[in-house]
Protein backbone atom coordinates (compact mmCIF):
# COMPACT_ATOMS: atom_id res chain seq x y z
CA MET A 1 -11.55 -66.96 82.47
CA LYS A 2 -14.76 -66.04 80.40
CA LYS A 3 -17.36 -63.69 80.92
CA ASN A 4 -20.78 -65.62 82.07
CA ARG A 5 -24.04 -64.33 81.48
CA LEU A 6 -27.28 -64.97 83.02
CA TYR A 7 -30.44 -65.41 81.47
CA LYS A 8 -33.80 -65.98 82.53
CA LEU A 9 -36.24 -68.76 80.30
CA PHE A 10 -38.41 -66.15 78.39
CA PRO A 11 -35.44 -64.27 76.82
CA LEU A 12 -33.72 -67.14 76.06
CA LEU A 13 -36.68 -68.74 74.57
CA PHE A 14 -36.90 -65.41 72.46
CA LEU A 15 -33.05 -65.85 71.33
CA LEU A 16 -33.51 -69.29 70.25
CA PRO A 17 -37.25 -70.15 69.42
CA THR A 18 -35.96 -73.88 68.74
CA LEU A 19 -33.63 -74.58 72.10
CA PHE A 20 -35.82 -76.81 73.76
CA LEU A 21 -37.35 -78.24 70.82
CA THR A 22 -34.67 -81.18 70.48
CA SER A 23 -35.39 -83.98 72.85
CA CYS A 24 -32.80 -86.28 74.32
CA GLU A 25 -32.89 -88.59 77.26
CA GLU A 26 -31.12 -88.39 80.57
CA GLU A 27 -29.37 -91.41 82.12
CA THR A 28 -30.68 -91.66 85.71
CA SER A 29 -28.52 -94.43 87.32
CA GLY A 30 -26.59 -94.01 90.18
CA LYS A 31 -26.75 -91.79 93.54
CA TYR A 32 -27.23 -88.25 92.46
CA GLU A 33 -28.61 -85.37 94.55
CA MET A 34 -29.17 -81.59 92.42
CA THR A 35 -28.89 -78.41 94.17
CA ASP A 36 -30.29 -75.56 93.75
CA GLY A 37 -29.07 -72.06 92.62
CA LEU A 38 -27.17 -71.66 89.27
CA PRO A 39 -23.98 -72.77 88.25
CA VAL A 40 -20.90 -71.38 87.98
CA VAL A 41 -18.01 -71.90 84.76
CA THR A 42 -14.55 -71.66 85.35
CA TYR A 43 -13.67 -72.98 82.17
CA VAL A 44 -13.35 -75.84 79.70
CA ARG A 45 -11.06 -78.29 78.82
CA TYR A 46 -10.90 -81.67 77.06
CA GLN A 47 -11.28 -85.21 79.05
CA ASP A 48 -8.32 -86.65 77.31
CA SER A 49 -5.91 -86.33 80.69
CA ASP A 50 -2.81 -85.63 78.33
CA LEU A 51 -4.51 -82.53 76.89
CA ALA A 52 -6.08 -81.64 80.21
CA GLU A 53 -3.85 -78.31 80.91
CA GLN A 54 -5.47 -76.93 77.34
CA LEU A 55 -8.37 -74.56 78.05
CA LEU A 56 -10.83 -74.54 75.11
CA GLU A 57 -12.62 -71.82 73.83
CA GLY A 58 -14.54 -74.51 71.19
CA ALA A 59 -14.46 -78.18 70.51
CA TYR A 60 -15.51 -80.20 67.62
CA MET A 61 -18.75 -82.07 66.99
CA ASP A 62 -18.58 -85.42 69.23
CA GLU A 63 -15.42 -84.37 71.29
CA ASN A 64 -15.45 -84.95 74.73
CA ILE A 65 -14.72 -82.44 77.35
CA VAL A 66 -14.96 -81.23 80.88
CA ILE A 67 -17.01 -78.36 82.26
CA ILE A 68 -14.67 -76.85 85.36
CA GLY A 69 -16.71 -74.72 88.22
CA ASP A 70 -18.79 -74.84 91.05
CA ASN A 71 -22.21 -76.22 91.68
CA LEU A 72 -22.47 -78.04 88.60
CA THR A 73 -24.93 -80.34 89.97
CA SER A 74 -27.31 -77.64 89.76
CA VAL A 75 -27.71 -78.46 86.39
CA GLN A 76 -30.35 -80.24 84.53
CA GLU A 77 -29.97 -79.46 81.03
CA VAL A 78 -26.83 -78.61 78.82
CA TRP A 79 -27.37 -77.30 75.40
CA PHE A 80 -24.79 -76.19 72.42
CA ASN A 81 -26.03 -73.84 70.36
CA ASN A 82 -29.55 -75.17 69.96
CA VAL A 83 -28.81 -78.92 70.45
CA LYS A 84 -29.24 -80.81 74.14
CA ALA A 85 -26.49 -82.81 75.22
CA ARG A 86 -26.62 -86.56 76.74
CA LEU A 87 -25.79 -86.03 80.39
CA ASN A 88 -24.92 -88.73 82.34
CA ILE A 89 -25.76 -87.96 85.83
CA ASN A 90 -22.73 -89.89 87.01
CA LEU A 91 -20.51 -87.72 85.56
CA ILE A 92 -21.59 -85.08 87.19
CA THR A 93 -20.23 -84.18 90.59
CA LYS A 94 -19.88 -80.71 92.07
CA ASN A 95 -17.06 -78.87 90.68
CA THR A 96 -16.95 -81.19 87.55
CA LEU A 97 -19.21 -82.10 84.25
CA PHE A 98 -18.28 -84.51 81.68
CA VAL A 99 -20.38 -83.81 78.41
CA THR A 100 -19.84 -84.73 74.71
CA VAL A 101 -20.46 -81.94 72.32
CA PRO A 102 -23.67 -83.13 70.43
CA LYS A 103 -23.06 -84.70 67.03
CA ASP A 104 -26.10 -83.26 65.85
CA LEU A 105 -25.91 -80.14 63.38
CA PRO A 106 -27.21 -77.40 64.85
CA SER A 107 -30.14 -74.82 62.95
CA VAL A 108 -29.28 -71.82 65.01
CA ARG A 109 -25.85 -70.51 66.07
CA THR A 110 -25.12 -68.61 68.84
CA ASP A 111 -21.37 -69.88 69.95
CA LYS A 112 -22.96 -70.33 73.17
CA ILE A 113 -23.19 -73.46 76.09
CA TYR A 114 -26.74 -73.12 77.94
CA PHE A 115 -26.58 -74.73 81.45
CA VAL A 116 -30.35 -74.56 82.40
CA ASN A 117 -31.49 -75.29 86.01
CA SER A 118 -34.87 -77.00 87.66
CA HIS A 119 -36.22 -73.68 87.71
CA LYS A 120 -35.03 -73.08 84.12
CA ASP A 121 -32.97 -70.49 84.71
CA THR A 122 -30.15 -70.40 82.07
CA LEU A 123 -26.54 -69.50 82.15
CA ALA A 124 -25.00 -68.96 78.80
CA TYR A 125 -21.18 -69.29 78.22
CA ASN A 126 -19.53 -68.37 75.61
CA PHE A 127 -18.29 -72.08 73.40
CA GLU A 128 -17.65 -72.02 69.91
CA VAL A 129 -19.18 -75.42 68.42
CA LYS A 130 -16.04 -75.96 65.84
CA ILE A 131 -17.58 -77.04 62.41
CA PRO A 132 -15.47 -76.96 59.48
CA ASN A 133 -15.76 -74.99 56.82
CA PRO A 134 -17.14 -76.57 53.54
CA ILE A 135 -14.19 -77.76 50.81
CA LEU A 136 -15.06 -77.34 47.46
CA ALA A 137 -12.79 -79.96 45.64
CA ARG A 138 -14.21 -80.02 41.78
CA ILE A 139 -17.40 -79.05 39.26
CA LYS A 140 -18.00 -82.63 37.29
CA CYS A 141 -18.79 -80.10 34.25
CA GLU A 142 -18.18 -77.10 33.78
CA GLN A 143 -20.27 -76.75 30.33
CA VAL A 144 -23.36 -77.94 31.67
CA PRO A 145 -26.02 -76.19 29.73
CA GLU A 146 -29.32 -74.12 31.25
CA GLY A 147 -31.41 -76.42 33.17
CA GLY A 148 -29.16 -79.35 33.12
CA GLU A 149 -27.39 -80.64 36.92
CA VAL A 150 -24.48 -79.37 37.84
CA VAL A 151 -22.58 -81.45 40.62
CA LEU A 152 -19.88 -79.83 42.95
CA TYR A 153 -17.75 -82.58 44.62
CA GLY A 154 -15.80 -81.82 48.14
CA ASP A 155 -16.75 -82.33 52.00
CA TYR A 156 -18.59 -80.61 54.74
CA PHE A 157 -21.59 -79.15 52.42
CA LEU A 158 -23.90 -78.88 55.73
CA ALA A 159 -27.05 -77.47 56.37
CA THR A 160 -30.22 -78.46 58.05
CA ASP A 161 -32.07 -76.78 55.39
CA ALA A 162 -31.70 -75.82 51.73
CA SER A 163 -31.99 -72.44 52.44
CA LEU A 164 -29.10 -72.85 54.59
CA LEU A 165 -26.39 -73.60 51.45
CA LYS A 166 -25.90 -70.68 49.36
CA VAL A 167 -23.80 -71.67 45.70
CA PHE A 168 -22.29 -68.56 44.17
CA ILE A 169 -21.03 -68.80 40.44
CA GLY A 170 -19.05 -65.22 40.62
CA ASP A 171 -21.81 -62.99 42.04
CA TYR A 172 -24.66 -65.01 41.08
CA GLN A 173 -26.30 -66.99 43.51
CA ILE A 174 -28.74 -70.03 42.72
CA PRO A 175 -31.62 -69.91 43.52
CA THR A 176 -33.06 -72.15 46.96
CA ALA A 177 -35.36 -73.76 44.47
CA ASP A 178 -32.58 -74.66 41.92
CA ILE A 179 -30.55 -76.73 44.63
CA VAL A 180 -31.58 -80.16 43.57
CA SER A 181 -30.28 -81.94 46.52
CA TYR A 182 -27.21 -81.61 48.91
CA GLU A 183 -25.46 -84.20 51.38
CA LYS A 184 -22.26 -84.19 52.95
CA ASN A 185 -20.03 -84.56 50.10
CA LYS A 186 -22.20 -83.30 47.11
CA ILE A 187 -24.22 -80.77 46.03
CA VAL A 188 -26.58 -80.90 42.69
CA PHE A 189 -28.15 -77.33 41.18
CA LYS A 190 -30.07 -76.26 37.98
CA ALA A 191 -27.61 -75.02 35.60
CA PRO A 192 -28.24 -71.05 35.19
CA ALA A 193 -28.13 -69.73 31.48
CA MET A 194 -24.87 -69.71 29.49
CA ASN A 195 -23.56 -65.94 30.03
CA ILE A 196 -23.61 -66.68 34.03
CA LYS A 197 -20.39 -67.94 34.41
CA GLY A 198 -17.32 -67.13 37.12
CA PRO A 199 -15.54 -69.33 40.09
CA VAL A 200 -17.84 -71.51 42.14
CA GLU A 201 -17.89 -70.99 45.77
CA VAL A 202 -20.26 -72.41 48.70
CA LYS A 203 -21.44 -71.05 51.92
CA THR A 204 -22.86 -72.56 55.05
CA LEU A 205 -24.00 -71.23 58.12
CA TYR A 206 -20.43 -72.50 59.48
CA GLY A 207 -18.08 -70.95 56.72
CA ASN A 208 -16.89 -70.58 53.04
CA SER A 209 -15.19 -72.43 50.74
CA GLY A 210 -13.45 -69.99 48.81
CA ARG A 211 -13.62 -69.28 45.03
CA THR A 212 -12.47 -72.18 42.71
CA LYS A 213 -9.90 -71.38 40.44
CA ASP A 214 -12.07 -73.42 37.56
CA ILE A 215 -14.63 -71.08 35.97
CA PHE A 216 -18.08 -72.62 35.24
CA HIS A 217 -18.74 -72.09 32.00
CA ASP A 218 -15.46 -70.74 31.02
CA ASP A 219 -15.37 -69.67 27.26
CA ARG A 220 -11.93 -68.30 27.11
CA GLY A 221 -8.88 -70.34 24.77
CA LEU A 222 -12.00 -72.23 22.99
CA ILE A 223 -10.19 -74.33 19.81
CA THR A 224 -13.27 -76.16 19.01
CA GLY A 225 -16.64 -77.18 20.16
CA PHE A 226 -16.91 -79.41 16.55
CA GLU A 227 -19.69 -77.05 15.36
CA GLU A 228 -20.86 -76.29 11.84
CA GLY A 229 -17.81 -74.94 10.08
CA PHE A 230 -15.53 -76.83 12.25
CA VAL A 231 -12.79 -78.46 9.44
CA ALA A 232 -10.97 -81.95 10.33
CA GLY A 233 -7.37 -82.26 8.78
CA TRP A 234 -7.38 -85.11 6.24
CA GLY A 235 -11.19 -85.95 7.40
CA ARG A 236 -10.44 -86.92 11.13
CA PRO A 237 -12.13 -87.33 13.35
CA THR A 238 -15.08 -89.29 10.69
CA HIS A 239 -17.42 -89.29 14.14
CA VAL A 240 -18.95 -85.80 14.56
CA GLU A 241 -22.53 -86.54 16.14
CA ASN A 242 -25.27 -84.68 17.84
CA ASP A 243 -27.45 -87.10 18.95
CA PRO A 244 -29.92 -85.19 21.64
CA ALA A 245 -29.70 -87.94 24.21
CA LEU A 246 -26.17 -87.86 24.53
CA SER A 247 -24.89 -84.51 23.58
CA LEU A 248 -23.90 -81.70 26.14
CA SER A 249 -23.80 -78.58 24.07
CA GLY A 250 -24.34 -79.26 20.36
CA ASN A 251 -21.79 -81.49 18.64
CA TYR A 252 -19.06 -83.48 20.19
CA VAL A 253 -16.62 -86.00 18.61
CA LYS A 254 -17.13 -89.89 18.71
CA LEU A 255 -14.20 -92.16 19.36
CA ALA A 256 -15.13 -96.18 19.09
CA GLY A 257 -14.06 -99.06 17.95
CA ASP A 258 -12.66 -102.55 18.62
CA LEU A 259 -8.68 -101.87 20.00
CA THR A 260 -7.28 -105.39 19.65
CA GLY A 261 -3.71 -106.69 20.30
CA VAL A 262 -2.93 -103.23 22.47
CA SER A 263 0.49 -104.59 23.10
CA GLY A 264 2.14 -104.76 20.01
CA TRP A 265 0.68 -103.08 16.75
CA ALA A 266 -2.64 -101.62 17.61
CA SER A 267 -4.44 -98.46 15.92
CA GLY A 268 -7.66 -97.00 15.45
CA GLY A 269 -7.40 -95.35 12.88
CA ASN A 270 -9.91 -92.89 11.64
CA ASP A 271 -12.06 -94.07 14.45
CA PHE A 272 -9.72 -93.19 17.18
CA THR A 273 -7.66 -90.26 15.82
CA VAL A 274 -8.64 -86.21 15.45
CA ASN A 275 -6.88 -83.55 13.77
CA ILE A 276 -7.45 -79.33 14.08
CA TRP A 277 -5.22 -77.62 12.21
CA GLY A 278 -4.85 -74.09 12.00
CA GLU A 279 -4.76 -73.51 9.00
CA ASP A 280 -8.32 -75.08 7.89
CA ASN A 281 -10.00 -73.86 11.03
CA GLY A 282 -9.24 -69.85 10.09
CA ILE A 283 -5.96 -69.29 12.31
CA SER A 284 -3.71 -68.49 9.21
CA SER A 285 -0.12 -68.67 11.48
CA GLY A 286 0.53 -68.72 15.53
CA ASN A 287 -1.18 -70.35 18.12
CA LEU A 288 -4.34 -71.97 18.25
CA PHE A 289 -4.93 -70.17 21.38
CA PRO A 290 -3.92 -67.05 22.97
CA SER A 291 -2.73 -67.27 26.70
CA ASP A 292 0.82 -68.34 27.05
CA PRO A 293 1.57 -72.01 26.71
CA LYS A 294 4.25 -72.22 29.66
CA THR A 295 0.98 -71.53 32.21
CA SER A 296 -1.67 -72.71 30.24
CA THR A 297 -3.84 -76.34 30.79
CA LEU A 298 -6.17 -77.82 28.20
CA LYS A 299 -9.74 -78.99 29.35
CA PHE A 300 -12.50 -80.92 27.47
CA GLU A 301 -15.51 -82.58 28.59
CA VAL A 302 -15.76 -86.31 28.01
CA ASN A 303 -18.05 -88.86 28.20
CA VAL A 304 -17.06 -92.57 28.47
CA LEU A 305 -20.07 -94.92 27.58
CA GLU A 306 -17.87 -98.38 27.45
CA ALA A 307 -15.46 -99.87 29.35
CA TRP A 308 -11.78 -98.26 28.09
CA ASN A 309 -8.83 -99.99 30.00
CA GLY A 310 -5.88 -99.85 27.16
CA LEU A 311 -3.40 -97.61 25.57
CA PRO A 312 -3.52 -93.64 26.66
CA LEU A 313 -5.29 -90.94 24.36
CA ILE A 314 -2.46 -88.94 23.37
CA PHE A 315 -2.46 -85.06 22.81
CA CYS A 316 0.35 -83.50 20.68
CA PHE A 317 0.41 -80.05 20.23
CA TYR A 318 2.88 -79.14 16.51
CA ALA A 319 3.39 -76.43 13.77
CA GLN A 320 0.85 -75.88 11.36
CA GLY A 321 1.68 -78.05 8.29
CA GLY A 322 3.12 -81.16 10.66
CA GLN A 323 -0.47 -83.12 9.48
CA GLU A 324 -0.11 -86.35 11.15
CA GLY A 325 3.76 -86.12 11.36
CA TYR A 326 3.34 -86.47 15.12
CA LEU A 327 1.69 -89.97 15.49
CA TRP A 328 5.21 -91.03 13.20
CA ASP A 329 7.64 -89.09 14.92
CA ASP A 330 8.30 -91.33 18.40
CA GLY A 331 11.39 -90.49 18.81
CA THR A 332 12.45 -93.82 19.98
CA LYS A 333 15.41 -93.97 18.38
CA ASN A 334 17.09 -90.49 18.62
CA GLY A 335 15.44 -89.79 21.78
CA GLY A 336 13.21 -86.62 20.47
CA GLY A 337 9.64 -86.57 18.88
CA ALA A 338 6.90 -85.16 18.96
CA PRO A 339 6.07 -83.89 22.47
CA ARG A 340 2.40 -85.33 23.97
CA GLY A 341 0.51 -85.11 26.47
CA VAL A 342 -1.21 -88.82 27.92
CA TRP A 343 -4.56 -89.65 29.65
CA MET A 344 -4.68 -92.90 31.18
CA PRO A 345 -8.05 -92.69 33.44
CA TRP A 346 -8.15 -96.64 33.35
CA GLN A 347 -5.04 -97.03 35.05
CA GLY A 348 -5.25 -97.68 38.95
CA SER A 349 -8.89 -99.01 38.65
CA GLY A 350 -8.24 -101.10 35.66
CA SER A 351 -11.09 -99.99 33.91
CA TYR A 352 -13.13 -96.54 33.07
CA THR A 353 -16.05 -95.11 32.60
CA THR A 354 -18.07 -91.95 33.24
CA ASP A 355 -21.37 -91.39 34.81
CA GLY A 356 -22.65 -88.75 32.01
CA TRP A 357 -20.02 -85.60 30.79
CA GLU A 358 -17.27 -84.53 33.11
CA THR A 359 -14.78 -81.65 32.87
CA ILE A 360 -10.69 -83.08 32.22
CA SER A 361 -7.89 -81.12 32.84
CA ILE A 362 -4.11 -81.40 31.79
CA SER A 363 -1.30 -78.66 32.01
CA LEU A 364 0.75 -77.91 28.77
CA SER A 365 4.02 -78.77 31.23
CA GLU A 366 2.60 -82.38 31.32
CA PHE A 367 2.73 -82.35 27.28
CA LYS A 368 6.48 -84.07 27.49
CA TYR A 369 6.71 -87.56 26.33
CA ASN A 370 7.85 -89.13 23.49
CA GLY A 371 6.24 -91.79 21.65
CA ALA A 372 8.30 -94.46 24.17
CA GLY A 373 6.93 -92.43 27.45
CA ALA A 374 10.11 -90.90 27.65
CA VAL A 375 10.50 -87.30 29.14
CA ILE A 376 12.03 -84.91 26.25
CA PRO A 377 11.29 -80.95 25.88
CA LEU A 378 8.11 -79.14 25.88
CA SER A 379 6.90 -78.18 22.22
CA THR A 380 7.54 -74.74 20.94
CA ALA A 381 4.38 -74.68 18.01
CA PHE A 382 1.07 -74.79 19.00
CA GLY A 383 -0.64 -74.38 15.46
CA SER A 384 -2.13 -77.70 15.19
CA LEU A 385 -3.59 -80.34 18.07
CA GLY A 386 -3.39 -83.92 17.58
CA ILE A 387 -5.47 -86.52 19.47
CA SER A 388 -5.01 -89.98 18.91
CA LEU A 389 -5.46 -93.63 20.82
CA HIS A 390 -2.98 -95.95 19.27
CA ASN A 391 0.39 -98.01 19.95
CA ARG A 392 3.15 -98.70 17.44
CA GLY A 393 4.50 -101.51 19.12
CA ALA A 394 8.35 -102.18 19.14
CA ASP A 395 8.45 -98.43 17.50
CA GLY A 396 5.56 -97.45 20.23
CA ILE A 397 5.20 -97.40 23.78
CA GLU A 398 6.28 -101.00 24.90
CA GLY A 399 8.96 -99.93 27.41
CA ARG A 400 5.89 -98.41 29.16
CA PRO A 401 4.00 -101.41 29.64
CA ASP A 402 1.97 -99.57 32.49
CA TRP A 403 0.45 -97.48 29.23
CA ILE A 404 -0.65 -100.77 27.45
CA GLY A 405 -3.66 -102.30 29.60
CA ASN A 406 -5.83 -104.60 28.27
CA ASP A 407 -7.97 -104.72 24.65
CA CYS A 408 -11.19 -103.32 24.73
CA SER A 409 -14.09 -101.60 22.98
CA PRO A 410 -14.54 -97.80 24.40
CA VAL A 411 -16.47 -95.49 23.64
CA ILE A 412 -15.84 -92.04 24.06
CA LEU A 413 -17.37 -88.88 23.49
CA ILE A 414 -15.62 -85.53 23.46
CA ASP A 415 -16.26 -81.92 23.13
CA ASN A 416 -15.61 -78.27 24.28
CA ILE A 417 -11.49 -78.36 23.57
CA ARG A 418 -10.13 -75.48 25.12
CA VAL A 419 -6.93 -74.20 26.22
CA ILE A 420 -7.03 -71.72 29.17
CA PRO A 421 -4.07 -69.62 31.35
């Protein structure tokens, strides 16, 4: 049995200044005689008869519960935190009061039900309105420059006011004034300076999301951002651009052109090939990145402007000096070949574009396919990286029709290629 506490009206108003500001109509049909005095609350249970034996210390918004006690006909109002519940006098007896936990979000959290009689005397009963902790699913783009709009996706980003919504990058809290908008599944805020980096966390009045594994403004393991000094192997890519209307952070590479006959021999050539060779970019030996490949992830930002609906974008790590051998080493005849990761976001929907820049992650443990789509041993060399979109027909992926798709003319922008632990 819970310990009940009696409050007079004035102390209660001092505790909850907004308690009686919410209005709600009461149903008045049927015969009902209100009694004097104060109610006694013994326990709370669900209305469902199958759950009647389960005594409750709390319930979620919009759940149906029963108050069990005595002199409950003295109750004129019921409040959960500072939200008034709707009462049906036909569902109130001396010993039971049926009520639904309000689905409106409280702006003050006290974890109590307040029972108010006709004289405004109030009984407070300990009871939690359960509201799920916020869930932070992903950061749309991890490399948004200062002043740009950062988008978080998730659930239960619940707040009655922006000041009750807290967003952290590491230990840095985003100022309330920089929160552009928020809704249950999405938060938009202005990005801080690039030197502010760390995992992201969302806190509300009702809990916290915990910190993301992804690091906002993560600069670990950067292979290239295609800035000044970058050398493309054999001149590929041919389109390193910096259009201010499209740029995320300086230069980016643009893959664009017509892909026809994708079910047979199809190659975008220079338009859809990127070579990043360590020997040309100041890494004379060893890997392009410092972390252990077995526990690392390839990340990059992408902006797909025109619909992409055919062929995978291939990523292949291999030894320095290999030049473009991975393009032809499909391994379809001997079961070998250069192990590669594939990215086909058009699968399922049949077509893919983005709404601005997004961060993409591919675990290096998924770099396991040869040119025909068969699983082969992982790479042991990471001194070069090749990126390409093509199909070599009979020697390529015709054994994987789910990889082929349709003819298309995609425009794909890529930036900030990195491998992080």
